[in-house]
Amino acid sequence: MAENRTVVDELQGQVLETVRRSQEVTLDVIRSWADALQPLTAQLPALPAGVVSPQEVVSGAYDFAQQLLATQRKFAEDVIHAAAPLAVGWSEPAARKAGSAHP
């Protein structure tokens, strides 16, 4: 069972590293694009008062996502708890499962 966890951890690590690299490349492209377009945006009119900033949009979206994820996690934990009577043997320690068969 520990071997499966190690494989899963390695795979997750590879996925996260790939995402980080992709994000770095994307940021480099956006910075280059913003630098190239900055002279043009200086000629645009200012946004009217009361318009939500991009930072506020991102912050609000991540706050919402965090709340949604917490709610989904609690729901998943509640489902596992409610279904526990059906999960015969799932709560046994891994060492016991790997050892001798049940009598």
Protein backbone atom coordinates (compact mmCIF):
# COMPACT_ATOMS: atom_id res chain seq x y z
CA MET A 1 0.00 0.00 0.00
CA ALA A 2 2.90 2.36 0.77
CA GLU A 3 4.26 1.74 -2.72
CA ASN A 4 0.98 2.96 -4.23
CA ARG A 5 1.14 6.11 -2.11
CA THR A 6 4.71 6.77 -3.27
CA VAL A 7 3.68 6.40 -6.92
CA VAL A 8 0.73 8.74 -6.38
CA ASP A 9 2.96 11.28 -4.57
CA GLU A 10 5.53 11.15 -7.40
CA LEU A 11 2.84 11.59 -10.04
CA GLN A 12 1.30 14.51 -8.19
CA GLY A 13 4.74 16.08 -7.83
CA GLN A 14 5.35 15.76 -11.56
CA VAL A 15 1.96 17.29 -12.37
CA LEU A 16 2.58 20.22 -10.01
CA GLU A 17 6.06 20.81 -11.45
CA THR A 18 4.64 20.78 -14.98
CA VAL A 19 1.95 23.27 -13.96
CA ARG A 20 4.58 25.53 -12.33
CA ARG A 21 6.75 25.47 -15.47
CA SER A 22 3.76 26.19 -17.67
CA GLN A 23 2.81 29.10 -15.43
CA GLU A 24 6.34 30.53 -15.62
CA VAL A 25 6.31 30.37 -19.43
CA THR A 26 2.86 31.94 -19.53
CA LEU A 27 3.94 34.76 -17.21
CA ASP A 28 6.99 35.45 -19.36
CA VAL A 29 4.77 35.70 -22.44
CA ILE A 30 2.27 37.98 -20.67
CA ARG A 31 5.06 40.25 -19.38
CA SER A 32 6.51 40.53 -22.90
CA TRP A 33 3.05 41.19 -24.34
CA ALA A 34 2.29 43.82 -21.66
CA ASP A 35 5.63 45.55 -22.22
CA ALA A 36 4.98 45.69 -25.97
CA LEU A 37 1.43 47.02 -25.58
CA GLN A 38 2.06 49.43 -22.73
CA PRO A 39 2.70 52.42 -25.00
CA LEU A 40 -0.68 51.85 -26.64
CA THR A 41 -2.61 51.53 -23.37
CA ALA A 42 -1.31 54.90 -22.19
CA GLN A 43 -3.53 56.45 -24.87
CA LEU A 44 -6.71 54.74 -23.61
CA PRO A 45 -9.13 56.58 -21.32
CA ALA A 46 -9.09 55.75 -17.61
CA LEU A 47 -11.68 53.32 -16.28
CA PRO A 48 -14.67 54.92 -14.56
CA ALA A 49 -14.83 54.98 -10.76
CA GLY A 50 -16.35 51.91 -9.15
CA VAL A 51 -15.04 49.42 -11.70
CA VAL A 52 -13.70 46.30 -10.04
CA SER A 53 -9.97 45.87 -10.48
CA PRO A 54 -8.45 42.70 -11.91
CA GLN A 55 -6.87 42.03 -8.50
CA GLU A 56 -10.30 42.17 -6.85
CA VAL A 57 -11.72 39.79 -9.45
CA VAL A 58 -8.93 37.27 -8.89
CA SER A 59 -9.09 37.61 -5.12
CA GLY A 60 -12.85 37.17 -5.09
CA ALA A 61 -12.69 34.17 -7.41
CA TYR A 62 -10.09 32.43 -5.26
CA ASP A 63 -11.98 33.22 -2.05
CA PHE A 64 -15.07 31.66 -3.60
CA ALA A 65 -13.10 28.65 -4.86
CA GLN A 66 -11.62 28.13 -1.39
CA GLN A 67 -15.09 28.19 0.19
CA LEU A 68 -16.43 25.85 -2.48
CA LEU A 69 -13.56 23.40 -2.03
CA ALA A 70 -14.00 23.42 1.77
CA THR A 71 -17.71 22.73 1.32
CA GLN A 72 -17.01 19.89 -1.13
CA ARG A 73 -14.41 18.39 1.21
CA LYS A 74 -16.83 18.43 4.13
CA PHE A 75 -19.49 16.84 1.92
CA ALA A 76 -17.07 14.09 0.81
CA GLU A 77 -16.09 13.43 4.43
CA ASP A 78 -19.78 13.31 5.43
CA VAL A 79 -20.48 10.83 2.60
CA ILE A 80 -17.62 8.60 3.77
CA HIS A 81 -18.88 8.80 7.35
CA ALA A 82 -22.47 8.02 6.30
CA ALA A 83 -21.34 5.08 4.16
CA ALA A 84 -18.90 3.75 6.79
CA PRO A 85 -21.17 0.84 7.78
CA LEU A 86 -20.91 -0.44 4.20
CA ALA A 87 -17.11 -0.19 4.10
CA VAL A 88 -16.26 -3.45 5.84
CA GLY A 89 -12.53 -3.67 6.46
CA TRP A 90 -11.63 -0.27 5.04
CA SER A 91 -10.67 1.16 8.39
CA GLU A 92 -8.18 -1.62 9.18
CA PRO A 93 -4.53 -0.59 9.44
CA ALA A 94 -2.50 -1.27 6.30
CA ALA A 95 -0.09 -3.54 8.18
CA ARG A 96 -2.95 -5.81 9.28
CA LYS A 97 -4.32 -5.97 5.74
CA ALA A 98 -0.91 -6.92 4.36
CA GLY A 99 -0.43 -9.60 7.04
CA SER A 100 -2.25 -12.87 7.47
CA ALA A 101 -5.75 -13.44 6.18
CA HIS A 102 -8.71 -12.83 8.45
CA PRO A 103 -9.92 -15.87 10.42
